């Protein structure tokens, strides 16, 4: 879902065994302020 929405990019290596890496896109990185605000809110309200 995150890949389909352009939030992360999936990179598969051709190594043996193959590995998969997910990296944030510019769109994904633009969500950082929202995610940090949610983290702060959860700490203030004792959520883990």
PDB file of N, CA and C in Angstrom:
ATOM      1  N   UNK A   1       0.818  -1.189   0.000  1.00  0.00           N
ATOM      2  CA  UNK A   1       0.000   0.000   0.000  1.00  0.00           C
ATOM      3  C   UNK A   1       0.868   1.262   0.000  1.00  0.00           C
ATOM      4  N   UNK A   2       1.885   1.307   0.855  1.00  0.00           N
ATOM      5  CA  UNK A   2       2.744   2.492   0.887  1.00  0.00           C
ATOM      6  C   UNK A   2       3.489   2.665  -0.433  1.00  0.00           C
ATOM      7  N   UNK A   3       3.888   1.557  -1.018  1.00  0.00           N
ATOM      8  CA  UNK A   3       4.566   1.629  -2.311  1.00  0.00           C
ATOM      9  C   UNK A   3       3.595   2.092  -3.397  1.00  0.00           C
ATOM     10  N   UNK A   4       2.395   1.561  -3.388  1.00  0.00           N
ATOM     11  CA  UNK A   4       1.393   1.950  -4.389  1.00  0.00           C
ATOM     12  C   UNK A   4       1.034   3.427  -4.298  1.00  0.00           C
ATOM     13  N   UNK A   5       1.088   3.980  -3.097  1.00  0.00           N
ATOM     14  CA  UNK A   5       0.756   5.395  -2.894  1.00  0.00           C
ATOM     15  C   UNK A   5       1.950   6.315  -3.125  1.00  0.00           C
ATOM     16  N   UNK A   6       3.124   5.735  -3.430  1.00  0.00           N
ATOM     17  CA  UNK A   6       4.306   6.539  -3.707  1.00  0.00           C
ATOM     18  C   UNK A   6       4.987   7.081  -2.469  1.00  0.00           C
ATOM     19  N   UNK A   7       4.745   6.449  -1.320  1.00  0.00           N
ATOM     20  CA  UNK A   7       5.344   6.911  -0.070  1.00  0.00           C
ATOM     21  C   UNK A   7       6.707   6.266   0.155  1.00  0.00           C
ATOM     22  N   UNK A   8       6.858   5.016  -0.280  1.00  0.00           N
ATOM     23  CA  UNK A   8       8.146   4.329  -0.220  1.00  0.00           C
ATOM     24  C   UNK A   8       8.466   3.734  -1.582  1.00  0.00           C
ATOM     25  N   UNK A   9       9.754   3.524  -1.808  1.00  0.00           N
ATOM     26  CA  UNK A   9      10.223   2.879  -3.032  1.00  0.00           C
ATOM     27  C   UNK A   9      10.828   1.535  -2.642  1.00  0.00           C
ATOM     28  N   UNK A  10      10.442   0.484  -3.343  1.00  0.00           N
ATOM     29  CA  UNK A  10      10.929  -0.869  -3.067  1.00  0.00           C
ATOM     30  C   UNK A  10      12.088  -1.165  -4.002  1.00  0.00           C
ATOM     31  N   UNK A  11      13.216  -1.581  -3.417  1.00  0.00           N
ATOM     32  CA  UNK A  11      14.402  -1.906  -4.199  1.00  0.00           C
ATOM     33  C   UNK A  11      14.779  -3.353  -3.896  1.00  0.00           C
ATOM     34  N   UNK A  12      14.818  -4.183  -4.938  1.00  0.00           N
ATOM     35  CA  UNK A  12      15.184  -5.590  -4.799  1.00  0.00           C
ATOM     36  C   UNK A  12      16.574  -5.769  -5.384  1.00  0.00           C
ATOM     37  N   UNK A  13      17.468  -6.409  -4.611  1.00  0.00           N
ATOM     38  CA  UNK A  13      18.817  -6.662  -5.112  1.00  0.00           C
ATOM     39  C   UNK A  13      18.856  -8.015  -5.802  1.00  0.00           C
ATOM     40  N   UNK A  14      19.828  -8.193  -6.658  1.00  0.00           N
ATOM     41  CA  UNK A  14      19.974  -9.469  -7.358  1.00  0.00           C
ATOM     42  C   UNK A  14      20.999 -10.361  -6.667  1.00  0.00           C
ATOM     43  N   UNK A  15      21.174 -10.179  -5.381  1.00  0.00           N
ATOM     44  CA  UNK A  15      22.103 -11.001  -4.613  1.00  0.00           C
ATOM     45  C   UNK A  15      21.444 -12.334  -4.271  1.00  0.00           C
ATOM     46  N   UNK A  16      22.255 -13.253  -3.772  1.00  0.00           N
ATOM     47  CA  UNK A  16      21.724 -14.531  -3.302  1.00  0.00           C
ATOM     48  C   UNK A  16      22.015 -14.612  -1.812  1.00  0.00           C
ATOM     49  N   UNK A  17      21.035 -14.669  -0.965  1.00  0.00           N
ATOM     50  CA  UNK A  17      19.621 -14.558  -1.287  1.00  0.00           C
ATOM     51  C   UNK A  17      19.269 -13.108  -1.632  1.00  0.00           C
ATOM     52  N   UNK A  18      18.209 -12.925  -2.386  1.00  0.00           N
ATOM     53  CA  UNK A  18      17.803 -11.557  -2.721  1.00  0.00           C
ATOM     54  C   UNK A  18      17.366 -10.797  -1.471  1.00  0.00           C
ATOM     55  N   UNK A  19      17.611  -9.526  -1.471  1.00  0.00           N
ATOM     56  CA  UNK A  19      17.166  -8.691  -0.355  1.00  0.00           C
ATOM     57  C   UNK A  19      16.257  -7.594  -0.896  1.00  0.00           C
ATOM     58  N   UNK A  20      15.421  -7.114  -0.025  1.00  0.00           N
ATOM     59  CA  UNK A  20      14.492  -6.045  -0.388  1.00  0.00           C
ATOM     60  C   UNK A  20      14.716  -4.892   0.570  1.00  0.00           C
ATOM     61  N   UNK A  21      14.773  -3.711   0.026  1.00  0.00           N
ATOM     62  CA  UNK A  21      14.963  -2.505   0.830  1.00  0.00           C
ATOM     63  C   UNK A  21      13.847  -1.531   0.478  1.00  0.00           C
ATOM     64  N   UNK A  22      13.328  -0.867   1.491  1.00  0.00           N
ATOM     65  CA  UNK A  22      12.291   0.144   1.281  1.00  0.00           C
ATOM     66  C   UNK A  22      12.851   1.494   1.708  1.00  0.00           C
ATOM     67  N   UNK A  23      12.768   2.452   0.824  1.00  0.00           N
ATOM     68  CA  UNK A  23      13.271   3.794   1.108  1.00  0.00           C
ATOM     69  C   UNK A  23      12.145   4.801   0.932  1.00  0.00           C
ATOM     70  N   UNK A  24      12.135   5.837   1.777  1.00  0.00           N
ATOM     71  CA  UNK A  24      11.089   6.853   1.618  1.00  0.00           C
ATOM     72  C   UNK A  24      11.325   7.677   0.356  1.00  0.00           C
ATOM     73  N   UNK A  25      10.243   8.025  -0.295  1.00  0.00           N
ATOM     74  CA  UNK A  25      10.298   8.917  -1.453  1.00  0.00           C
ATOM     75  C   UNK A  25      10.184  10.355  -0.943  1.00  0.00           C
ATOM     76  N   UNK A  26      10.227  11.312  -1.845  1.00  0.00           N
ATOM     77  CA  UNK A  26      10.026  12.709  -1.434  1.00  0.00           C
ATOM     78  C   UNK A  26       8.656  12.868  -0.789  1.00  0.00           C
ATOM     79  N   UNK A  27       7.671  12.197  -1.359  1.00  0.00           N
ATOM     80  CA  UNK A  27       6.322  12.242  -0.785  1.00  0.00           C
ATOM     81  C   UNK A  27       6.333  11.665   0.629  1.00  0.00           C
ATOM     82  N   UNK A  28       7.034  10.554   0.812  1.00  0.00           N
ATOM     83  CA  UNK A  28       7.126   9.943   2.131  1.00  0.00           C
ATOM     84  C   UNK A  28       7.845  10.842   3.127  1.00  0.00           C
ATOM     85  N   UNK A  29       8.933  11.447   2.691  1.00  0.00           N
ATOM     86  CA  UNK A  29       9.682  12.345   3.570  1.00  0.00           C
ATOM     87  C   UNK A  29       8.861  13.567   3.959  1.00  0.00           C
ATOM     88  N   UNK A  30       7.955  13.984   3.079  1.00  0.00           N
ATOM     89  CA  UNK A  30       7.128  15.152   3.391  1.00  0.00           C
ATOM     90  C   UNK A  30       6.154  14.864   4.534  1.00  0.00           C
ATOM     91  N   UNK A  31       5.989  13.594   4.876  1.00  0.00           N
ATOM     92  CA  UNK A  31       5.106  13.215   5.981  1.00  0.00           C
ATOM     93  C   UNK A  31       5.796  13.300   7.345  1.00  0.00           C
ATOM     94  N   UNK A  32       7.100  13.544   7.368  1.00  0.00           N
ATOM     95  CA  UNK A  32       7.858  13.554   8.618  1.00  0.00           C
ATOM     96  C   UNK A  32       7.263  14.480   9.678  1.00  0.00           C
ATOM     97  N   UNK A  33       6.902  15.721   9.372  1.00  0.00           N
ATOM     98  CA  UNK A  33       6.331  16.584  10.417  1.00  0.00           C
ATOM     99  C   UNK A  33       5.049  16.007  11.026  1.00  0.00           C
ATOM    100  N   UNK A  34       4.240  15.373  10.200  1.00  0.00           N
ATOM    101  CA  UNK A  34       2.998  14.772  10.699  1.00  0.00           C
ATOM    102  C   UNK A  34       3.316  13.608  11.627  1.00  0.00           C
ATOM    103  N   UNK A  35       4.256  12.761  11.218  1.00  0.00           N
ATOM    104  CA  UNK A  35       4.613  11.597  12.032  1.00  0.00           C
ATOM    105  C   UNK A  35       5.244  12.015  13.358  1.00  0.00           C
ATOM    106  N   UNK A  36       6.092  13.033  13.333  1.00  0.00           N
ATOM    107  CA  UNK A  36       6.688  13.519  14.579  1.00  0.00           C
ATOM    108  C   UNK A  36       5.621  14.101  15.505  1.00  0.00           C
ATOM    109  N   UNK A  37       4.654  14.803  14.942  1.00  0.00           N
ATOM    110  CA  UNK A  37       3.563  15.352  15.753  1.00  0.00           C
ATOM    111  C   UNK A  37       2.747  14.229  16.383  1.00  0.00           C
ATOM    112  N   UNK A  38       2.507  13.165  15.629  1.00  0.00           N
ATOM    113  CA  UNK A  38       1.771  12.020  16.174  1.00  0.00           C
ATOM    114  C   UNK A  38       2.566  11.340  17.288  1.00  0.00           C
ATOM    115  N   UNK A  39       3.880  11.258  17.118  1.00  0.00           N
ATOM    116  CA  UNK A  39       4.741  10.662  18.147  1.00  0.00           C
ATOM    117  C   UNK A  39       4.685  11.495  19.426  1.00  0.00           C
ATOM    118  N   UNK A  40       4.780  12.802  19.282  1.00  0.00           N
ATOM    119  CA  UNK A  40       4.711  13.697  20.438  1.00  0.00           C
ATOM    120  C   UNK A  40       3.369  13.559  21.141  1.00  0.00           C
ATOM    121  N   UNK A  41       2.291  13.540  20.381  1.00  0.00           N
ATOM    122  CA  UNK A  41       0.953  13.399  20.949  1.00  0.00           C
ATOM    123  C   UNK A  41       0.836  12.093  21.719  1.00  0.00           C
ATOM    124  N   UNK A  42       1.349  11.006  21.139  1.00  0.00           N
ATOM    125  CA  UNK A  42       1.217   9.705  21.803  1.00  0.00           C
ATOM    126  C   UNK A  42       2.008   9.669  23.107  1.00  0.00           C
ATOM    127  N   UNK A  43       3.164  10.315  23.147  1.00  0.00           N
ATOM    128  CA  UNK A  43       3.942  10.368  24.391  1.00  0.00           C
ATOM    129  C   UNK A  43       3.210  11.189  25.452  1.00  0.00           C
ATOM    130  N   UNK A  44       2.593  12.289  25.037  1.00  0.00           N
ATOM    131  CA  UNK A  44       1.866  13.140  25.978  1.00  0.00           C
ATOM    132  C   UNK A  44       0.627  12.448  26.536  1.00  0.00           C
ATOM    133  N   UNK A  45       0.099  11.484  25.800  1.00  0.00           N
ATOM    134  CA  UNK A  45      -1.105  10.780  26.226  1.00  0.00           C
ATOM    135  C   UNK A  45      -0.819   9.342  26.652  1.00  0.00           C
ATOM    136  N   UNK A  46       0.452   9.057  26.929  1.00  0.00           N
ATOM    137  CA  UNK A  46       0.899   7.757  27.442  1.00  0.00           C
ATOM    138  C   UNK A  46       0.573   6.582  26.538  1.00  0.00           C
ATOM    139  N   UNK A  47       0.675   6.781  25.237  1.00  0.00           N
ATOM    140  CA  UNK A  47       0.537   5.681  24.288  1.00  0.00           C
ATOM    141  C   UNK A  47       1.927   5.243  23.866  1.00  0.00           C
ATOM    142  N   UNK A  48       2.081   3.975  23.598  1.00  0.00           N
ATOM    143  CA  UNK A  48       3.383   3.453  23.161  1.00  0.00           C
ATOM    144  C   UNK A  48       3.472   3.415  21.661  1.00  0.00           C
TER     145      UNK A  48
END
